[in-house]
């Protein structure tokens, strides 16, 4: 498959909860909101998150309280 993405790579992609960009949470420095929802690095930083490259983790989580929580029942 020349120039294309393998289906296994495509299966790893999810959309950023905020901007909709395609991200690979296992590879990209995405922030996990839940098991199924992620923020891309840029959106997480824009929301106040701080990623420590040396520790390879988010030392300050982004603010996500305004995002819909798919685990809550809809009213």
PDB file of N, CA and C in Angstrom:
ATOM      1  N   UNK A   1       0.850  -1.167   0.000  1.00  0.00           N
ATOM      2  CA  UNK A   1       0.000   0.000   0.000  1.00  0.00           C
ATOM      3  C   UNK A   1       0.895   1.228   0.000  1.00  0.00           C
ATOM      4  N   UNK A   2       1.123   1.794  -1.127  1.00  0.00           N
ATOM      5  CA  UNK A   2       2.068   2.879  -1.264  1.00  0.00           C
ATOM      6  C   UNK A   2       1.427   4.215  -0.911  1.00  0.00           C
ATOM      7  N   UNK A   3       2.085   4.979  -0.006  1.00  0.00           N
ATOM      8  CA  UNK A   3       1.614   6.308   0.341  1.00  0.00           C
ATOM      9  C   UNK A   3       0.371   6.319   1.218  1.00  0.00           C
ATOM     10  N   UNK A   4      -0.166   5.166   1.536  1.00  0.00           N
ATOM     11  CA  UNK A   4      -1.374   5.110   2.345  1.00  0.00           C
ATOM     12  C   UNK A   4      -1.077   4.616   3.745  1.00  0.00           C
ATOM     13  N   UNK A   5      -2.083   4.635   4.561  1.00  0.00           N
ATOM     14  CA  UNK A   5      -1.932   4.190   5.929  1.00  0.00           C
ATOM     15  C   UNK A   5      -2.423   2.757   6.032  1.00  0.00           C
ATOM     16  N   UNK A   6      -1.706   1.923   6.718  1.00  0.00           N
ATOM     17  CA  UNK A   6      -2.149   0.540   6.928  1.00  0.00           C
ATOM     18  C   UNK A   6      -3.402   0.550   7.779  1.00  0.00           C
ATOM     19  N   UNK A   7      -4.264  -0.431   7.582  1.00  0.00           N
ATOM     20  CA  UNK A   7      -5.526  -0.457   8.312  1.00  0.00           C
ATOM     21  C   UNK A   7      -5.303  -0.542   9.814  1.00  0.00           C
ATOM     22  N   UNK A   8      -4.247  -1.216  10.256  1.00  0.00           N
ATOM     23  CA  UNK A   8      -3.999  -1.281  11.696  1.00  0.00           C
ATOM     24  C   UNK A   8      -3.608   0.085  12.239  1.00  0.00           C
ATOM     25  N   UNK A   9      -2.882   0.881  11.453  1.00  0.00           N
ATOM     26  CA  UNK A   9      -2.544   2.228  11.885  1.00  0.00           C
ATOM     27  C   UNK A   9      -3.793   3.093  11.928  1.00  0.00           C
ATOM     28  N   UNK A  10      -4.663   2.944  10.948  1.00  0.00           N
ATOM     29  CA  UNK A  10      -5.885   3.725  10.879  1.00  0.00           C
ATOM     30  C   UNK A  10      -6.807   3.399  12.056  1.00  0.00           C
ATOM     31  N   UNK A  11      -6.791   2.156  12.516  1.00  0.00           N
ATOM     32  CA  UNK A  11      -7.627   1.749  13.643  1.00  0.00           C
ATOM     33  C   UNK A  11      -7.189   2.419  14.944  1.00  0.00           C
ATOM     34  N   UNK A  12      -5.962   2.901  15.012  1.00  0.00           N
ATOM     35  CA  UNK A  12      -5.441   3.524  16.224  1.00  0.00           C
ATOM     36  C   UNK A  12      -5.788   5.000  16.318  1.00  0.00           C
ATOM     37  N   UNK A  13      -6.335   5.564  15.249  1.00  0.00           N
ATOM     38  CA  UNK A  13      -6.637   6.986  15.227  1.00  0.00           C
ATOM     39  C   UNK A  13      -7.968   7.294  15.884  1.00  0.00           C
ATOM     40  N   UNK A  14      -7.996   8.405  16.611  1.00  0.00           N
ATOM     41  CA  UNK A  14      -9.225   8.936  17.188  1.00  0.00           C
ATOM     42  C   UNK A  14      -9.248  10.430  16.887  1.00  0.00           C
ATOM     43  N   UNK A  15     -10.391  11.040  17.045  1.00  0.00           N
ATOM     44  CA  UNK A  15     -10.509  12.478  16.839  1.00  0.00           C
ATOM     45  C   UNK A  15     -10.340  13.214  18.153  1.00  0.00           C
ATOM     46  N   UNK A  16      -9.638  14.336  18.093  1.00  0.00           N
ATOM     47  CA  UNK A  16      -9.508  15.201  19.269  1.00  0.00           C
ATOM     48  C   UNK A  16     -10.904  15.664  19.663  1.00  0.00           C
ATOM     49  N   UNK A  17     -11.209  15.599  20.935  1.00  0.00           N
ATOM     50  CA  UNK A  17     -12.529  15.943  21.450  1.00  0.00           C
ATOM     51  C   UNK A  17     -12.839  17.415  21.216  1.00  0.00           C
ATOM     52  N   UNK A  18     -11.804  18.257  21.150  1.00  0.00           N
ATOM     53  CA  UNK A  18     -12.009  19.690  21.026  1.00  0.00           C
ATOM     54  C   UNK A  18     -11.994  20.174  19.581  1.00  0.00           C
ATOM     55  N   UNK A  19     -10.945  19.859  18.813  1.00  0.00           N
ATOM     56  CA  UNK A  19     -10.805  20.409  17.462  1.00  0.00           C
ATOM     57  C   UNK A  19     -11.117  19.413  16.357  1.00  0.00           C
ATOM     58  N   UNK A  20     -11.180  18.115  16.672  1.00  0.00           N
ATOM     59  CA  UNK A  20     -11.511  17.103  15.678  1.00  0.00           C
ATOM     60  C   UNK A  20     -10.331  16.554  14.903  1.00  0.00           C
ATOM     61  N   UNK A  21      -9.111  17.014  15.204  1.00  0.00           N
ATOM     62  CA  UNK A  21      -7.927  16.509  14.501  1.00  0.00           C
ATOM     63  C   UNK A  21      -7.739  15.023  14.781  1.00  0.00           C
ATOM     64  N   UNK A  22      -7.258  14.291  13.777  1.00  0.00           N
ATOM     65  CA  UNK A  22      -6.975  12.865  13.962  1.00  0.00           C
ATOM     66  C   UNK A  22      -5.672  12.705  14.720  1.00  0.00           C
ATOM     67  N   UNK A  23      -5.714  11.907  15.779  1.00  0.00           N
ATOM     68  CA  UNK A  23      -4.526  11.665  16.598  1.00  0.00           C
ATOM     69  C   UNK A  23      -4.415  10.175  16.898  1.00  0.00           C
ATOM     70  N   UNK A  24      -3.199   9.743  17.185  1.00  0.00           N
ATOM     71  CA  UNK A  24      -2.929   8.362  17.600  1.00  0.00           C
ATOM     72  C   UNK A  24      -2.493   8.419  19.066  1.00  0.00           C
ATOM     73  N   UNK A  25      -3.410   8.203  19.995  1.00  0.00           N
ATOM     74  CA  UNK A  25      -3.098   8.357  21.413  1.00  0.00           C
ATOM     75  C   UNK A  25      -1.910   7.533  21.903  1.00  0.00           C
ATOM     76  N   UNK A  26      -1.662   6.386  21.289  1.00  0.00           N
ATOM     77  CA  UNK A  26      -0.540   5.548  21.712  1.00  0.00           C
ATOM     78  C   UNK A  26       0.803   6.125  21.279  1.00  0.00           C
ATOM     79  N   UNK A  27       0.782   7.015  20.283  1.00  0.00           N
ATOM     80  CA  UNK A  27       2.011   7.576  19.736  1.00  0.00           C
ATOM     81  C   UNK A  27       2.137   9.063  20.051  1.00  0.00           C
ATOM     82  N   UNK A  28       1.064   9.807  19.808  1.00  0.00           N
ATOM     83  CA  UNK A  28       1.075  11.252  20.026  1.00  0.00           C
ATOM     84  C   UNK A  28       0.993  11.567  21.513  1.00  0.00           C
ATOM     85  N   UNK A  29       1.372  12.778  21.857  1.00  0.00           N
ATOM     86  CA  UNK A  29       1.284  13.210  23.253  1.00  0.00           C
ATOM     87  C   UNK A  29      -0.127  13.726  23.526  1.00  0.00           C
ATOM     88  N   UNK A  30      -1.089  12.858  23.378  1.00  0.00           N
ATOM     89  CA  UNK A  30      -2.487  13.212  23.596  1.00  0.00           C
ATOM     90  C   UNK A  30      -2.815  13.111  25.078  1.00  0.00           C
ATOM     91  N   UNK A  31      -3.859  13.844  25.494  1.00  0.00           N
ATOM     92  CA  UNK A  31      -4.315  13.780  26.880  1.00  0.00           C
ATOM     93  C   UNK A  31      -5.612  12.981  26.906  1.00  0.00           C
ATOM     94  N   UNK A  32      -5.666  11.939  27.727  1.00  0.00           N
ATOM     95  CA  UNK A  32      -6.856  11.096  27.835  1.00  0.00           C
ATOM     96  C   UNK A  32      -7.871  11.733  28.768  1.00  0.00           C
ATOM     97  N   UNK A  33      -9.038  12.035  28.233  1.00  0.00           N
ATOM     98  CA  UNK A  33     -10.143  12.540  29.049  1.00  0.00           C
ATOM     99  C   UNK A  33     -10.876  11.365  29.673  1.00  0.00           C
ATOM    100  N   UNK A  34     -11.041  10.313  28.870  1.00  0.00           N
ATOM    101  CA  UNK A  34     -11.658   9.065  29.321  1.00  0.00           C
ATOM    102  C   UNK A  34     -11.038   7.957  28.474  1.00  0.00           C
ATOM    103  N   UNK A  35     -11.554   6.751  28.594  1.00  0.00           N
ATOM    104  CA  UNK A  35     -11.032   5.637  27.798  1.00  0.00           C
ATOM    105  C   UNK A  35     -11.211   5.866  26.299  1.00  0.00           C
ATOM    106  N   UNK A  36     -12.221   6.635  25.922  1.00  0.00           N
ATOM    107  CA  UNK A  36     -12.548   6.822  24.512  1.00  0.00           C
ATOM    108  C   UNK A  36     -12.359   8.247  24.001  1.00  0.00           C
ATOM    109  N   UNK A  37     -12.053   9.196  24.870  1.00  0.00           N
ATOM    110  CA  UNK A  37     -11.971  10.601  24.476  1.00  0.00           C
ATOM    111  C   UNK A  37     -10.596  11.169  24.791  1.00  0.00           C
ATOM    112  N   UNK A  38     -10.058  11.907  23.821  1.00  0.00           N
ATOM    113  CA  UNK A  38      -8.716  12.471  23.951  1.00  0.00           C
ATOM    114  C   UNK A  38      -8.674  13.901  23.443  1.00  0.00           C
ATOM    115  N   UNK A  39      -7.710  14.653  23.954  1.00  0.00           N
ATOM    116  CA  UNK A  39      -7.372  15.958  23.409  1.00  0.00           C
ATOM    117  C   UNK A  39      -6.035  15.837  22.704  1.00  0.00           C
ATOM    118  N   UNK A  40      -5.895  16.495  21.542  1.00  0.00           N
ATOM    119  CA  UNK A  40      -4.590  16.529  20.899  1.00  0.00           C
ATOM    120  C   UNK A  40      -3.658  17.397  21.750  1.00  0.00           C
ATOM    121  N   UNK A  41      -2.376  17.299  21.497  1.00  0.00           N
ATOM    122  CA  UNK A  41      -1.391  18.035  22.288  1.00  0.00           C
ATOM    123  C   UNK A  41      -1.674  19.537  22.267  1.00  0.00           C
ATOM    124  N   UNK A  42      -1.955  20.088  21.095  1.00  0.00           N
ATOM    125  CA  UNK A  42      -2.173  21.529  20.969  1.00  0.00           C
ATOM    126  C   UNK A  42      -3.385  21.988  21.777  1.00  0.00           C
ATOM    127  N   UNK A  43      -4.477  21.253  21.710  1.00  0.00           N
ATOM    128  CA  UNK A  43      -5.673  21.619  22.475  1.00  0.00           C
ATOM    129  C   UNK A  43      -5.437  21.468  23.971  1.00  0.00           C
ATOM    130  N   UNK A  44      -4.719  20.425  24.371  1.00  0.00           N
ATOM    131  CA  UNK A  44      -4.429  20.220  25.790  1.00  0.00           C
ATOM    132  C   UNK A  44      -3.586  21.369  26.335  1.00  0.00           C
ATOM    133  N   UNK A  45      -2.597  21.808  25.574  1.00  0.00           N
ATOM    134  CA  UNK A  45      -1.752  22.929  26.002  1.00  0.00           C
ATOM    135  C   UNK A  45      -2.568  24.219  26.035  1.00  0.00           C
ATOM    136  N   UNK A  46      -3.396  24.425  25.017  1.00  0.00           N
ATOM    137  CA  UNK A  46      -4.241  25.620  24.961  1.00  0.00           C
ATOM    138  C   UNK A  46      -5.182  25.683  26.172  1.00  0.00           C
ATOM    139  N   UNK A  47      -5.534  24.518  26.707  1.00  0.00           N
ATOM    140  CA  UNK A  47      -6.416  24.453  27.871  1.00  0.00           C
ATOM    141  C   UNK A  47      -5.633  24.434  29.187  1.00  0.00           C
ATOM    142  N   UNK A  48      -4.352  24.786  29.135  1.00  0.00           N
ATOM    143  CA  UNK A  48      -3.557  24.922  30.351  1.00  0.00           C
ATOM    144  C   UNK A  48      -2.729  23.715  30.732  1.00  0.00           C
ATOM    145  N   UNK A  49      -2.755  22.659  29.951  1.00  0.00           N
ATOM    146  CA  UNK A  49      -1.976  21.464  30.260  1.00  0.00           C
ATOM    147  C   UNK A  49      -0.488  21.682  30.039  1.00  0.00           C
ATOM    148  N   UNK A  50       0.310  21.024  30.861  1.00  0.00           N
ATOM    149  CA  UNK A  50       1.769  21.100  30.743  1.00  0.00           C
ATOM    150  C   UNK A  50       2.307  19.677  30.653  1.00  0.00           C
ATOM    151  N   UNK A  51       3.039  19.388  29.555  1.00  0.00           N
ATOM    152  CA  UNK A  51       3.624  18.070  29.339  1.00  0.00           C
ATOM    153  C   UNK A  51       5.107  18.132  29.632  1.00  0.00           C
ATOM    154  N   UNK A  52       5.599  17.221  30.467  1.00  0.00           N
ATOM    155  CA  UNK A  52       7.015  17.146  30.805  1.00  0.00           C
ATOM    156  C   UNK A  52       7.667  16.094  29.915  1.00  0.00           C
ATOM    157  N   UNK A  53       8.508  16.553  28.984  1.00  0.00           N
ATOM    158  CA  UNK A  53       9.165  15.630  28.052  1.00  0.00           C
ATOM    159  C   UNK A  53      10.086  14.649  28.762  1.00  0.00           C
ATOM    160  N   UNK A  54      10.794  15.112  29.792  1.00  0.00           N
ATOM    161  CA  UNK A  54      11.724  14.231  30.508  1.00  0.00           C
ATOM    162  C   UNK A  54      10.999  13.117  31.238  1.00  0.00           C
ATOM    163  N   UNK A  55       9.855  13.437  31.836  1.00  0.00           N
ATOM    164  CA  UNK A  55       9.077  12.428  32.561  1.00  0.00           C
ATOM    165  C   UNK A  55       8.074  11.716  31.652  1.00  0.00           C
ATOM    166  N   UNK A  56       7.882  12.251  30.426  1.00  0.00           N
ATOM    167  CA  UNK A  56       6.956  11.693  29.452  1.00  0.00           C
ATOM    168  C   UNK A  56       5.545  11.542  30.018  1.00  0.00           C
ATOM    169  N   UNK A  57       5.079  12.634  30.637  1.00  0.00           N
ATOM    170  CA  UNK A  57       3.726  12.629  31.202  1.00  0.00           C
ATOM    171  C   UNK A  57       3.221  14.053  31.362  1.00  0.00           C
ATOM    172  N   UNK A  58       1.914  14.177  31.513  1.00  0.00           N
ATOM    173  CA  UNK A  58       1.295  15.477  31.771  1.00  0.00           C
ATOM    174  C   UNK A  58       1.476  15.797  33.250  1.00  0.00           C
ATOM    175  N   UNK A  59       2.205  16.864  33.559  1.00  0.00           N
ATOM    176  CA  UNK A  59       2.412  17.246  34.954  1.00  0.00           C
ATOM    177  C   UNK A  59       1.302  18.159  35.451  1.00  0.00           C
ATOM    178  N   UNK A  60       0.687  18.900  34.533  1.00  0.00           N
ATOM    179  CA  UNK A  60      -0.500  19.695  34.846  1.00  0.00           C
ATOM    180  C   UNK A  60      -1.549  19.342  33.813  1.00  0.00           C
ATOM    181  N   UNK A  61      -2.671  18.782  34.245  1.00  0.00           N
ATOM    182  CA  UNK A  61      -3.697  18.382  33.280  1.00  0.00           C
ATOM    183  C   UNK A  61      -4.414  19.599  32.698  1.00  0.00           C
ATOM    184  N   UNK A  62      -4.882  19.489  31.472  1.00  0.00           N
ATOM    185  CA  UNK A  62      -5.664  20.586  30.895  1.00  0.00           C
ATOM    186  C   UNK A  62      -7.032  20.686  31.559  1.00  0.00           C
ATOM    187  N   UNK A  63      -7.629  21.844  31.440  1.00  0.00           N
ATOM    188  CA  UNK A  63      -8.972  22.062  31.985  1.00  0.00           C
ATOM    189  C   UNK A  63      -9.981  21.493  30.994  1.00  0.00           C
ATOM    190  N   UNK A  64     -10.774  20.525  31.450  1.00  0.00           N
ATOM    191  CA  UNK A  64     -11.732  19.848  30.561  1.00  0.00           C
ATOM    192  C   UNK A  64     -13.157  19.871  31.115  1.00  0.00           C
ATOM    193  N   UNK A  65     -13.395  20.655  32.156  1.00  0.00           N
ATOM    194  CA  UNK A  65     -14.719  20.662  32.778  1.00  0.00           C
ATOM    195  C   UNK A  65     -15.818  21.138  31.848  1.00  0.00           C
ATOM    196  N   UNK A  66     -15.483  21.957  30.845  1.00  0.00           N
ATOM    197  CA  UNK A  66     -16.497  22.462  29.934  1.00  0.00           C
ATOM    198  C   UNK A  66     -16.814  21.499  28.794  1.00  0.00           C
ATOM    199  N   UNK A  67     -16.049  20.423  28.679  1.00  0.00           N
ATOM    200  CA  UNK A  67     -16.297  19.455  27.612  1.00  0.00           C
ATOM    201  C   UNK A  67     -17.407  18.493  28.019  1.00  0.00           C
ATOM    202  N   UNK A  68     -18.228  18.062  27.066  1.00  0.00           N
ATOM    203  CA  UNK A  68     -19.277  17.093  27.397  1.00  0.00           C
ATOM    204  C   UNK A  68     -18.679  15.786  27.892  1.00  0.00           C
ATOM    205  N   UNK A  69     -19.310  15.198  28.868  1.00  0.00           N
ATOM    206  CA  UNK A  69     -18.863  13.914  29.393  1.00  0.00           C
ATOM    207  C   UNK A  69     -19.820  12.847  28.879  1.00  0.00           C
ATOM    208  N   UNK A  70     -19.318  12.005  27.949  1.00  0.00           N
ATOM    209  CA  UNK A  70     -20.184  11.005  27.341  1.00  0.00           C
ATOM    210  C   UNK A  70     -20.640   9.942  28.331  1.00  0.00           C
ATOM    211  N   UNK A  71     -20.058   9.907  29.521  1.00  0.00           N
ATOM    212  CA  UNK A  71     -20.471   8.908  30.512  1.00  0.00           C
ATOM    213  C   UNK A  71     -21.695   9.382  31.288  1.00  0.00           C
ATOM    214  N   UNK A  72     -22.003  10.701  31.229  1.00  0.00           N
ATOM    215  CA  UNK A  72     -23.171  11.216  31.929  1.00  0.00           C
ATOM    216  C   UNK A  72     -24.419  10.993  31.073  1.00  0.00           C
ATOM    217  N   UNK A  73     -25.526  10.641  31.711  1.00  0.00           N
ATOM    218  CA  UNK A  73     -26.759  10.483  30.921  1.00  0.00           C
ATOM    219  C   UNK A  73     -27.231  11.855  30.421  1.00  0.00           C
ATOM    220  N   UNK A  74     -27.775  11.849  29.217  1.00  0.00           N
ATOM    221  CA  UNK A  74     -28.298  13.096  28.640  1.00  0.00           C
ATOM    222  C   UNK A  74     -29.622  13.434  29.297  1.00  0.00           C
ATOM    223  N   UNK A  75     -29.813  14.694  29.520  1.00  0.00           N
ATOM    224  CA  UNK A  75     -31.079  15.150  30.147  1.00  0.00           C
ATOM    225  C   UNK A  75     -32.120  15.431  29.091  1.00  0.00           C
TER     226      UNK A  75
END
